[in-house]
Amino acid sequence: MSEHEAASGLSTHIDGRVLVLERTFNAPQNMLFQAYSDPDRLTSWWGPKGWETENRTFEFKPEGTWHYCMRCTDKSQGDFYGQESWGKAIFHEIAEPQKIVYTDVFSDEEGNAVSGMPEMEIMIEFKENGEKTRLVVTTEFATEEQLKEILGMGMIEGFNSQLDRLDDLLEKQQ
């Protein structure tokens, strides 16, 4: 078990095959939920800095799918420039504005899961605290090895960069 809190306010907690990431935003719960549930807002911040996201499909409902592509558009990121990363989410539970539960997989351009890549069960909670909202993202992997593989890919750094972009969006909306 390990815990860490970054200067950005991102708190991480690892316990076995479960990763919990938390960060507080200066935005009301409903606004933060809409940043996840509105496809145009979502693509404006999803992915680390220097990456753009395109939706192939976005069906925000239980058993609906979100098929997307993140593409590196920042030449200063060296070998990552031009790289594409496809993903697919299958929504299981949506409790507006408190919670979203979904399965996330690495996919190909057609939306087929990539064999050998980790599958993640994700629960996003939006915890209201006055005018602020605590975002709690709990990700469960099938094995500790899969979690270690994702961490080795830079998941925490990429997620923190992505949340910086979300924070920028929320500031502009207020």
Protein backbone atom coordinates (compact mmCIF):
# COMPACT_ATOMS: atom_id res chain seq x y z
CA MET A 1 0.00 0.00 0.00
CA SER A 2 1.36 3.44 -0.89
CA GLU A 3 0.09 6.99 -0.81
CA HIS A 4 1.33 10.20 -2.39
CA GLU A 5 0.03 13.73 -2.89
CA ALA A 6 1.45 15.80 -5.74
CA ALA A 7 1.93 19.57 -5.63
CA SER A 8 -1.11 19.84 -7.92
CA GLY A 9 -3.26 18.36 -5.19
CA LEU A 10 -3.52 14.93 -6.82
CA SER A 11 -3.56 12.29 -4.13
CA THR A 12 -2.76 8.70 -5.07
CA HIS A 13 -3.35 5.54 -3.08
CA ILE A 14 -2.44 2.03 -4.22
CA ASP A 15 -3.70 -1.07 -2.46
CA GLY A 16 -3.02 -4.35 -4.22
CA ARG A 17 -4.70 -4.13 -7.62
CA VAL A 18 -6.66 -0.94 -6.87
CA LEU A 19 -5.53 2.60 -7.66
CA VAL A 20 -7.38 5.57 -6.16
CA LEU A 21 -6.73 9.09 -7.47
CA GLU A 22 -8.29 12.15 -5.80
CA ARG A 23 -8.24 15.84 -6.54
CA THR A 24 -10.37 18.78 -5.44
CA PHE A 25 -11.68 21.30 -7.97
CA ASN A 26 -12.98 24.82 -7.37
CA ALA A 27 -16.20 24.02 -9.19
CA PRO A 28 -19.67 22.82 -8.24
CA GLN A 29 -20.46 19.12 -8.50
CA ASN A 30 -22.82 19.52 -11.47
CA MET A 31 -20.23 21.43 -13.53
CA LEU A 32 -17.60 18.78 -12.93
CA PHE A 33 -20.06 15.99 -13.82
CA GLN A 34 -20.94 17.81 -17.08
CA ALA A 35 -17.26 17.92 -18.00
CA TYR A 36 -17.45 14.12 -18.12
CA SER A 37 -20.95 13.70 -19.53
CA ASP A 38 -20.94 16.27 -22.36
CA PRO A 39 -18.95 14.91 -25.34
CA ASP A 40 -17.69 18.32 -26.52
CA ARG A 41 -16.51 19.32 -23.06
CA LEU A 42 -14.95 15.90 -22.51
CA THR A 43 -12.84 16.01 -25.65
CA SER A 44 -11.63 19.52 -24.84
CA TRP A 45 -9.67 18.24 -21.81
CA TRP A 46 -9.37 14.43 -22.03
CA GLY A 47 -5.80 13.26 -22.41
CA PRO A 48 -2.50 14.74 -21.27
CA LYS A 49 -1.27 18.15 -22.42
CA GLY A 50 -0.16 18.02 -26.03
CA TRP A 51 -2.77 15.39 -26.94
CA GLU A 52 -6.14 15.89 -28.62
CA THR A 53 -9.10 13.56 -28.29
CA GLU A 54 -11.64 12.66 -30.96
CA ASN A 55 -14.87 10.81 -30.27
CA ARG A 56 -15.79 7.98 -32.60
CA THR A 57 -18.95 7.21 -30.58
CA PHE A 58 -20.36 8.63 -27.35
CA GLU A 59 -23.49 7.06 -25.86
CA PHE A 60 -23.68 8.32 -22.29
CA LYS A 61 -26.15 5.84 -20.83
CA PRO A 62 -25.95 2.49 -19.02
CA GLU A 63 -24.43 -0.08 -21.42
CA GLY A 64 -23.62 2.75 -23.83
CA THR A 65 -20.13 3.06 -25.27
CA TRP A 66 -17.57 5.78 -25.70
CA HIS A 67 -15.00 4.98 -28.39
CA TYR A 68 -12.26 7.56 -28.67
CA CYS A 69 -8.78 8.29 -29.99
CA MET A 70 -6.12 10.36 -28.27
CA ARG A 71 -3.50 11.75 -30.67
CA CYS A 72 -0.23 13.49 -29.74
CA THR A 73 -0.11 16.85 -31.52
CA ASP A 74 2.88 18.32 -29.65
CA LYS A 75 6.14 18.03 -31.61
CA SER A 76 8.14 18.69 -28.44
CA GLN A 77 7.03 15.26 -27.12
CA GLY A 78 9.53 13.59 -29.45
CA ASP A 79 8.67 10.00 -30.36
CA PHE A 80 5.13 10.41 -29.03
CA TYR A 81 4.34 13.04 -31.69
CA GLY A 82 1.73 11.64 -34.09
CA GLN A 83 1.09 8.58 -31.93
CA GLU A 84 -2.53 7.48 -31.52
CA SER A 85 -4.01 5.71 -28.52
CA TRP A 86 -7.48 4.26 -28.97
CA GLY A 87 -9.76 3.42 -26.07
CA LYS A 88 -13.27 2.23 -25.42
CA ALA A 89 -15.44 2.71 -22.35
CA ILE A 90 -18.62 0.78 -21.61
CA PHE A 91 -20.80 2.63 -19.11
CA HIS A 92 -22.49 0.51 -16.43
CA GLU A 93 -23.90 3.00 -13.94
CA ILE A 94 -24.61 6.72 -14.21
CA ALA A 95 -25.97 8.52 -11.15
CA GLU A 96 -26.03 12.20 -12.10
CA PRO A 97 -24.25 14.16 -10.66
CA GLN A 98 -22.62 11.81 -8.14
CA LYS A 99 -21.11 8.84 -9.93
CA ILE A 100 -20.08 7.17 -13.21
CA VAL A 101 -19.03 3.51 -13.38
CA TYR A 102 -17.53 1.99 -16.51
CA THR A 103 -15.10 -0.53 -17.97
CA ASP A 104 -12.21 0.94 -19.94
CA VAL A 105 -10.10 -1.00 -22.44
CA PHE A 106 -7.36 -0.23 -24.92
CA SER A 107 -8.93 -0.69 -28.34
CA ASP A 108 -8.14 -0.58 -32.01
CA GLU A 109 -9.68 1.87 -34.47
CA GLU A 110 -12.74 -0.37 -34.88
CA GLY A 111 -13.38 -0.56 -31.12
CA ASN A 112 -12.10 -4.09 -30.56
CA ALA A 113 -10.26 -4.65 -27.28
CA VAL A 114 -6.50 -5.01 -27.74
CA SER A 115 -5.43 -8.47 -26.61
CA GLY A 116 -2.95 -8.58 -23.75
CA MET A 117 -3.63 -5.03 -22.56
CA PRO A 118 -5.14 -4.35 -19.13
CA GLU A 119 -8.88 -3.89 -18.71
CA MET A 120 -9.90 -1.41 -16.02
CA GLU A 121 -13.05 -1.16 -13.93
CA ILE A 122 -13.43 2.53 -13.08
CA MET A 123 -15.70 4.35 -10.66
CA ILE A 124 -15.69 8.15 -10.73
CA GLU A 125 -17.27 9.88 -7.75
CA PHE A 126 -18.07 13.59 -7.61
CA LYS A 127 -18.15 14.53 -3.91
CA GLU A 128 -19.65 17.96 -3.29
CA ASN A 129 -18.05 20.14 -0.63
CA GLY A 130 -19.65 23.58 -0.75
CA GLU A 131 -18.56 25.28 -3.98
CA LYS A 132 -15.78 22.73 -4.44
CA THR A 133 -15.95 19.13 -5.62
CA ARG A 134 -13.64 16.26 -4.72
CA LEU A 135 -13.10 13.96 -7.69
CA VAL A 136 -12.37 10.38 -6.61
CA VAL A 137 -11.37 7.93 -9.35
CA THR A 138 -11.09 4.30 -8.25
CA THR A 139 -9.57 1.96 -10.82
CA GLU A 140 -9.51 -1.79 -10.28
CA PHE A 141 -7.34 -4.12 -12.34
CA ALA A 142 -7.56 -7.90 -12.69
CA THR A 143 -4.05 -8.30 -11.23
CA GLU A 144 -1.39 -6.26 -9.45
CA GLU A 145 0.85 -6.87 -12.48
CA GLN A 146 -1.63 -5.09 -14.75
CA LEU A 147 -1.68 -2.12 -12.39
CA LYS A 148 2.13 -2.03 -12.37
CA GLU A 149 2.13 -2.17 -16.19
CA ILE A 150 -0.19 0.85 -16.41
CA LEU A 151 1.84 2.76 -13.83
CA GLY A 152 4.95 2.03 -15.90
CA MET A 153 3.23 3.63 -18.90
CA GLY A 154 3.01 6.90 -16.95
CA MET A 155 -0.69 6.73 -16.05
CA ILE A 156 -0.43 8.92 -12.95
CA GLU A 157 1.58 11.63 -14.72
CA GLY A 158 -0.73 11.57 -17.73
CA PHE A 159 -3.85 11.63 -15.56
CA ASN A 160 -2.52 14.56 -13.55
CA SER A 161 -1.76 16.46 -16.76
CA GLN A 162 -5.27 15.66 -17.97
CA LEU A 163 -6.77 16.97 -14.72
CA ASP A 164 -4.76 20.19 -15.13
CA ARG A 165 -6.53 20.61 -18.48
CA LEU A 166 -9.88 19.91 -16.80
CA ASP A 167 -9.09 22.52 -14.14
CA ASP A 168 -8.34 25.07 -16.90
CA LEU A 169 -11.68 24.30 -18.58
CA LEU A 170 -13.62 24.67 -15.33
CA GLU A 171 -11.94 28.02 -14.60
CA LYS A 172 -12.97 29.32 -18.03
CA GLN A 173 -16.58 28.22 -17.48
CA GLN A 174 -16.98 30.11 -14.21
